N, C-alpha and C. Protein backbone atom coordinates (compact mmCIF):
# COMPACT_ATOMS: atom_id res chain seq x y z
N UNK A 1 0.67 -1.13 0.00
CA UNK A 1 0.17 0.34 -0.04
C UNK A 1 0.61 1.09 -0.21
N UNK A 2 1.89 1.14 1.18
CA UNK A 2 3.11 2.26 0.82
C UNK A 2 3.52 2.93 -0.20
N UNK A 3 3.73 1.56 -1.31
CA UNK A 3 3.72 2.20 -2.72
C UNK A 3 3.51 3.05 -3.95
N UNK A 4 2.02 2.42 -3.03
CA UNK A 4 0.72 3.63 -4.18
C UNK A 4 0.34 4.60 -3.86
N UNK A 5 0.54 5.01 -2.20
CA UNK A 5 0.97 6.03 -2.20
C UNK A 5 2.15 7.14 -2.26
N UNK A 6 2.77 7.09 -2.75
CA UNK A 6 3.86 7.28 -3.14
C UNK A 6 4.17 7.18 -4.63
N UNK A 7 2.89 7.13 -5.13
CA UNK A 7 2.92 6.88 -6.74
C UNK A 7 4.33 5.96 -7.01
N UNK A 8 4.59 5.01 -6.81
CA UNK A 8 5.46 4.06 -7.03
C UNK A 8 5.14 2.50 -7.42
N UNK A 9 5.81 2.10 -8.73
CA UNK A 9 5.29 1.27 -9.13
C UNK A 9 6.00 -0.50 -8.35
N UNK A 10 6.19 -1.20 -8.41
CA UNK A 10 6.91 -2.39 -7.93
C UNK A 10 6.63 -3.16 -9.34
N UNK A 11 7.91 -3.88 -9.58
CA UNK A 11 7.56 -4.90 -10.94
C UNK A 11 7.62 -6.37 -9.83
N UNK A 12 7.35 -7.07 -11.09
CA UNK A 12 6.93 -8.45 -9.91
C UNK A 12 6.74 -9.30 -11.14
N UNK A 13 7.34 -10.80 -11.04
CA UNK A 13 7.95 -11.92 -12.25
C UNK A 13 6.99 -12.81 -11.99
N UNK A 14 6.14 -13.40 -12.32
CA UNK A 14 5.27 -14.45 -12.39
C UNK A 14 6.66 -16.03 -12.53
N UNK A 15 6.19 -16.55 -11.50
CA UNK A 15 6.90 -18.05 -11.79
C UNK A 15 6.87 -19.22 -12.65
N UNK A 16 5.74 -18.84 -12.79
CA UNK A 16 5.25 -19.82 -13.88
C UNK A 16 5.48 -20.15 -15.27
N UNK A 17 6.32 -18.58 -15.64
CA UNK A 17 7.55 -18.49 -16.84
C UNK A 17 8.66 -19.04 -16.95
N UNK A 18 8.99 -20.20 -15.25
CA UNK A 18 9.40 -20.72 -14.76
C UNK A 18 9.81 -22.08 -16.12
N UNK A 19 8.10 -21.98 -15.86
CA UNK A 19 8.00 -23.52 -16.84
C UNK A 19 7.73 -23.52 -18.19
N UNK A 20 8.27 -22.29 -18.82
CA UNK A 20 7.77 -22.39 -20.29
C UNK A 20 8.69 -22.89 -20.86
N UNK A 21 8.66 -23.32 -22.21
CA UNK A 21 9.82 -23.28 -22.91
C UNK A 21 11.07 -22.70 -23.38
N UNK A 22 12.05 -22.70 -22.92
CA UNK A 22 13.51 -22.13 -23.67
C UNK A 22 13.81 -21.98 -25.16
N UNK A 23 14.69 -21.39 -25.43
CA UNK A 23 15.06 -21.06 -26.51
C UNK A 23 15.09 -22.32 -27.33
N UNK A 24 16.40 -23.34 -26.47
CA UNK A 24 16.38 -24.16 -26.93
C UNK A 24 15.35 -25.23 -26.77
N UNK A 25 14.33 -25.20 -26.69
CA UNK A 25 13.22 -26.12 -26.40
C UNK A 25 13.35 -27.26 -25.70
N UNK A 26 13.99 -27.06 -24.92
CA UNK A 26 14.27 -27.40 -23.60
C UNK A 26 13.62 -26.56 -22.31
N UNK A 27 13.12 -27.27 -21.94
CA UNK A 27 12.28 -27.04 -20.14
C UNK A 27 13.53 -27.05 -19.04
N UNK A 28 13.00 -25.22 -17.96
CA UNK A 28 14.53 -25.45 -16.99
C UNK A 28 14.41 -26.75 -15.92
N UNK A 29 15.36 -27.69 -15.45
CA UNK A 29 15.48 -28.95 -14.99
C UNK A 29 14.99 -28.37 -13.46
N UNK A 30 15.77 -26.77 -12.60
CA UNK A 30 14.86 -26.33 -12.08
C UNK A 30 14.80 -24.89 -11.78
N UNK A 31 14.51 -24.81 -10.34
CA UNK A 31 13.69 -23.30 -10.35
C UNK A 31 14.77 -22.46 -10.41
N UNK A 32 16.05 -23.01 -10.15
CA UNK A 32 17.22 -22.36 -9.97
C UNK A 32 17.09 -21.80 -11.04
N UNK A 33 17.86 -22.14 -12.40
CA UNK A 33 17.81 -21.97 -13.86
C UNK A 33 16.79 -20.72 -14.11
N UNK A 34 15.87 -20.71 -13.48
CA UNK A 34 15.01 -19.58 -13.84
C UNK A 34 15.65 -18.02 -13.35
N UNK A 35 15.81 -18.91 -11.72
CA UNK A 35 16.51 -17.28 -11.37
C UNK A 35 17.35 -16.98 -11.64
N UNK A 36 17.99 -17.93 -12.30
CA UNK A 36 19.51 -17.09 -13.01
C UNK A 36 19.18 -16.33 -14.09
N UNK A 37 18.11 -17.10 -15.26
CA UNK A 37 17.87 -16.43 -16.09
C UNK A 37 17.48 -14.89 -16.14
N UNK A 38 16.30 -15.00 -14.44
CA UNK A 38 15.92 -13.63 -14.70
C UNK A 38 17.18 -12.07 -14.14
N UNK A 39 18.11 -12.99 -13.22
CA UNK A 39 19.57 -12.39 -12.88
C UNK A 39 19.85 -11.76 -14.13
N UNK A 40 20.15 -12.62 -14.59
CA UNK A 40 20.73 -11.60 -15.96
C UNK A 40 20.92 -10.82 -16.72
N UNK A 41 19.55 -10.71 -16.74
CA UNK A 41 18.58 -9.38 -17.89
C UNK A 41 18.72 -8.47 -16.71
N UNK A 42 18.64 -8.66 -15.31
CA UNK A 42 18.87 -7.40 -14.39
C UNK A 42 18.22 -7.39 -13.23
N UNK A 43 16.76 -8.42 -13.14
CA UNK A 43 16.05 -8.58 -12.29
C UNK A 43 16.08 -9.02 -11.20
N UNK A 44 17.01 -9.27 -11.13
CA UNK A 44 17.66 -10.12 -9.29
C UNK A 44 17.09 -9.89 -8.49
N UNK A 45 16.54 -8.53 -8.14
CA UNK A 45 15.85 -8.17 -7.09
C UNK A 45 14.10 -8.09 -6.92
N UNK A 46 13.89 -8.62 -8.05
CA UNK A 46 12.50 -8.89 -7.99
C UNK A 46 11.71 -9.67 -7.78
N UNK A 47 10.45 -9.10 -7.38
CA UNK A 47 9.72 -10.06 -6.29
C UNK A 47 9.04 -11.22 -7.24
N UNK A 48 9.50 -12.69 -7.28
CA UNK A 48 8.93 -13.65 -8.01
C UNK A 48 7.23 -14.10 -7.43
N UNK A 49 6.50 -13.64 -8.06
CA UNK A 49 5.21 -14.55 -7.71
C UNK A 49 5.18 -15.89 -7.86
N UNK A 50 4.79 -16.72 -6.67
CA UNK A 50 4.51 -17.91 -6.70
C UNK A 50 3.02 -18.33 -7.53
N UNK A 51 3.69 -19.21 -8.50
CA UNK A 51 1.82 -20.16 -9.16
C UNK A 51 1.18 -20.97 -8.11
N UNK A 52 -0.08 -21.11 -8.41
CA UNK A 52 -1.16 -22.17 -7.99
C UNK A 52 0.30 -23.41 -8.32
N UNK A 53 0.60 -24.16 -7.76
CA UNK A 53 0.96 -25.64 -7.91
C UNK A 53 0.42 -26.72 -9.52
N UNK A 54 0.59 -26.78 -10.01
CA UNK A 54 -0.02 -27.86 -10.85
C UNK A 54 0.75 -28.81 -11.81
N UNK A 55 0.51 -30.54 -11.86
CA UNK A 55 1.81 -31.34 -12.03
C UNK A 55 2.05 -31.13 -13.35
N UNK A 56 3.40 -31.14 -13.66
CA UNK A 56 3.86 -30.84 -14.61
C UNK A 56 4.50 -29.19 -15.54
N UNK A 57 3.40 -28.10 -14.73
CA UNK A 57 4.08 -26.48 -15.06
C UNK A 57 4.41 -26.28 -13.98
N UNK A 58 4.32 -26.81 -12.72
CA UNK A 58 5.13 -26.25 -11.55
C UNK A 58 6.46 -26.88 -10.72
N UNK A 59 7.42 -25.95 -10.57
CA UNK A 59 8.32 -26.46 -9.51
C UNK A 59 8.00 -26.80 -8.04
N UNK A 60 8.14 -28.08 -7.55
CA UNK A 60 7.04 -28.08 -6.01
C UNK A 60 7.86 -27.33 -5.00
N UNK A 61 9.12 -27.25 -5.32
CA UNK A 61 9.73 -25.61 -4.39
C UNK A 61 9.48 -24.01 -4.02
N UNK A 62 8.44 -23.91 -5.74
CA UNK A 62 8.54 -22.74 -5.29
C UNK A 62 7.01 -22.40 -5.82
N UNK A 63 5.87 -22.68 -5.14
CA UNK A 63 4.58 -22.75 -5.57
C UNK A 63 3.79 -22.91 -4.19
N UNK A 64 2.36 -23.10 -4.57
CA UNK A 64 2.04 -23.02 -3.22
C UNK A 64 0.57 -23.46 -3.76
N UNK A 65 -0.03 -24.08 -2.88
CA UNK A 65 -0.46 -26.05 -3.38
C UNK A 65 -2.51 -25.13 -3.94
N UNK A 66 -2.32 -26.18 -4.44
CA UNK A 66 -3.52 -25.51 -5.29
C UNK A 66 -4.69 -25.88 -4.37
N UNK A 67 -6.40 -26.17 -4.50
CA UNK A 67 -7.35 -26.34 -4.10
C UNK A 67 -8.18 -24.70 -3.34
N UNK A 68 -9.63 -25.21 -3.43
CA UNK A 68 -9.94 -23.45 -2.66
C UNK A 68 -10.04 -22.68 -3.24
N UNK A 69 -9.35 -21.75 -2.81
CA UNK A 69 -9.55 -20.81 -3.16
C UNK A 69 -8.52 -19.48 -4.02
N UNK A 70 -7.10 -20.56 -3.52
CA UNK A 70 -6.41 -20.41 -4.42
C UNK A 70 -6.41 -20.69 -5.95
N UNK A 71 -7.19 -22.07 -6.51
CA UNK A 71 -7.82 -22.13 -7.17
C UNK A 71 -8.54 -21.71 -7.97
N UNK A 72 -9.78 -20.67 -7.35
CA UNK A 72 -10.49 -20.09 -7.81
C UNK A 72 -10.15 -18.73 -8.23
N UNK A 73 -9.16 -18.37 -7.61
CA UNK A 73 -8.48 -17.27 -7.82
C UNK A 73 -8.07 -17.78 -9.39
N UNK A 74 -6.94 -18.36 -9.32
CA UNK A 74 -6.14 -18.92 -10.65
C UNK A 74 -7.14 -19.01 -11.51
N UNK A 75 -8.55 -18.92 -11.18
CA UNK A 75 -9.30 -19.78 -12.91
C UNK A 75 -10.19 -18.39 -12.99
N UNK A 76 -10.03 -17.10 -12.10
CA UNK A 76 -10.77 -16.19 -12.44
C UNK A 76 -9.64 -14.84 -13.43
N UNK A 77 -8.26 -15.11 -12.60
CA UNK A 77 -7.39 -14.33 -13.06
C UNK A 77 -7.54 -14.99 -15.07
N UNK A 78 -7.54 -16.09 -15.26
CA UNK A 78 -7.26 -16.77 -16.27
C UNK A 78 -8.36 -16.36 -17.21
N UNK A 79 -9.12 -16.21 -16.97
CA UNK A 79 -11.04 -15.65 -17.59
C UNK A 79 -10.68 -14.82 -17.86
N UNK A 80 -10.25 -13.51 -17.02
CA UNK A 80 -9.51 -11.97 -17.17
C UNK A 80 -8.60 -11.79 -18.18
N UNK A 81 -7.45 -13.09 -18.67
CA UNK A 81 -6.45 -12.33 -19.14
C UNK A 81 -6.51 -13.03 -20.59
N UNK A 82 -7.14 -14.54 -20.60
CA UNK A 82 -7.35 -15.44 -21.73
C UNK A 82 -8.67 -15.95 -21.81
N UNK A 83 -9.48 -15.17 -21.96
CA UNK A 83 -11.41 -15.31 -22.04
C UNK A 83 -11.64 -16.57 -22.82
N UNK A 84 -10.88 -16.69 -23.86
CA UNK A 84 -11.68 -17.09 -24.90
C UNK A 84 -10.62 -18.89 -25.07
N UNK A 85 -9.95 -19.21 -23.87
CA UNK A 85 -8.87 -20.42 -23.72
C UNK A 85 -9.51 -20.97 -22.93
N UNK A 86 -10.15 -21.95 -22.63
CA UNK A 86 -10.27 -22.98 -21.26
C UNK A 86 -9.53 -23.56 -20.50
N UNK A 87 -9.60 -23.22 -19.22
CA UNK A 87 -8.90 -23.31 -18.03
C UNK A 87 -8.23 -24.83 -18.36
N UNK A 88 -9.09 -25.70 -18.36
CA UNK A 88 -8.97 -26.69 -18.32
C UNK A 88 -7.85 -27.69 -19.43
N UNK A 89 -7.45 -28.55 -19.48
CA UNK A 89 -6.45 -28.72 -20.79
C UNK A 89 -7.67 -29.58 -21.36
N UNK A 90 -7.91 -30.81 -20.66
CA UNK A 90 -8.37 -31.62 -21.41
C UNK A 90 -10.15 -30.81 -22.11
N UNK A 91 -10.65 -29.81 -21.57
CA UNK A 91 -11.63 -29.55 -22.63
C UNK A 91 -10.68 -28.36 -23.83
N UNK A 92 -9.81 -28.03 -23.34
CA UNK A 92 -9.18 -27.22 -24.14
C UNK A 92 -8.72 -27.94 -25.97
N UNK A 93 -7.80 -29.21 -25.31
CA UNK A 93 -7.53 -30.36 -26.26
C UNK A 93 -9.26 -30.85 -26.99
N UNK A 94 -10.12 -31.38 -25.74
CA UNK A 94 -11.37 -31.54 -26.65
C UNK A 94 -12.09 -30.64 -27.74
N UNK A 95 -12.02 -28.80 -27.81
CA UNK A 95 -12.30 -28.45 -28.14
C UNK A 95 -11.76 -27.73 -30.00
N UNK A 96 -10.38 -28.44 -29.57
CA UNK A 96 -9.97 -28.14 -31.07
C UNK A 96 -9.57 -29.59 -31.71
N UNK A 97 -9.92 -30.25 -31.35
CA UNK A 97 -9.40 -32.01 -31.14
C UNK A 97 -8.47 -32.06 -31.22
N UNK A 98 -7.51 -31.76 -30.39
CA UNK A 98 -6.35 -32.42 -29.87
C UNK A 98 -6.20 -33.73 -29.42
N UNK A 99 -5.04 -33.97 -29.70
CA UNK A 99 -4.65 -35.60 -28.96
C UNK A 99 -4.11 -35.07 -27.59
N UNK A 100 -5.36 -35.83 -26.77
CA UNK A 100 -4.55 -35.34 -25.00
C UNK A 100 -3.71 -36.37 -24.45
N UNK A 101 -2.78 -36.96 -25.10
CA UNK A 101 -1.41 -37.80 -25.13
C UNK A 101 -0.01 -36.93 -25.30
N UNK A 102 -0.24 -36.17 -26.67
CA UNK A 102 1.04 -35.68 -26.85
C UNK A 102 1.30 -34.59 -26.06
N UNK A 103 2.05 -34.07 -25.31
CA UNK A 103 2.63 -33.01 -24.61
C UNK A 103 3.48 -32.31 -24.71
């Protein structure tokens, strides 16, 4: 709240970015790889927001447990940011005729 009163902004990074494919087509092996990546671009002191945990998408050492309010908020945020994309992966694939077994 204090930053808002002083008209300052705080930059934050979303940790779910750690699960995205790297330019070489590979995934980070651990969360430390992501921390090093953002440090290289000068963001080592930026707060990293922990995502709701999803198997295969988040690092177990850097996430919050899903369920209840956390999952509800995650779905609400998804609906605002991506209103035309299904939240559930199965629904996303089904609507587009995609093979669920392709990863």
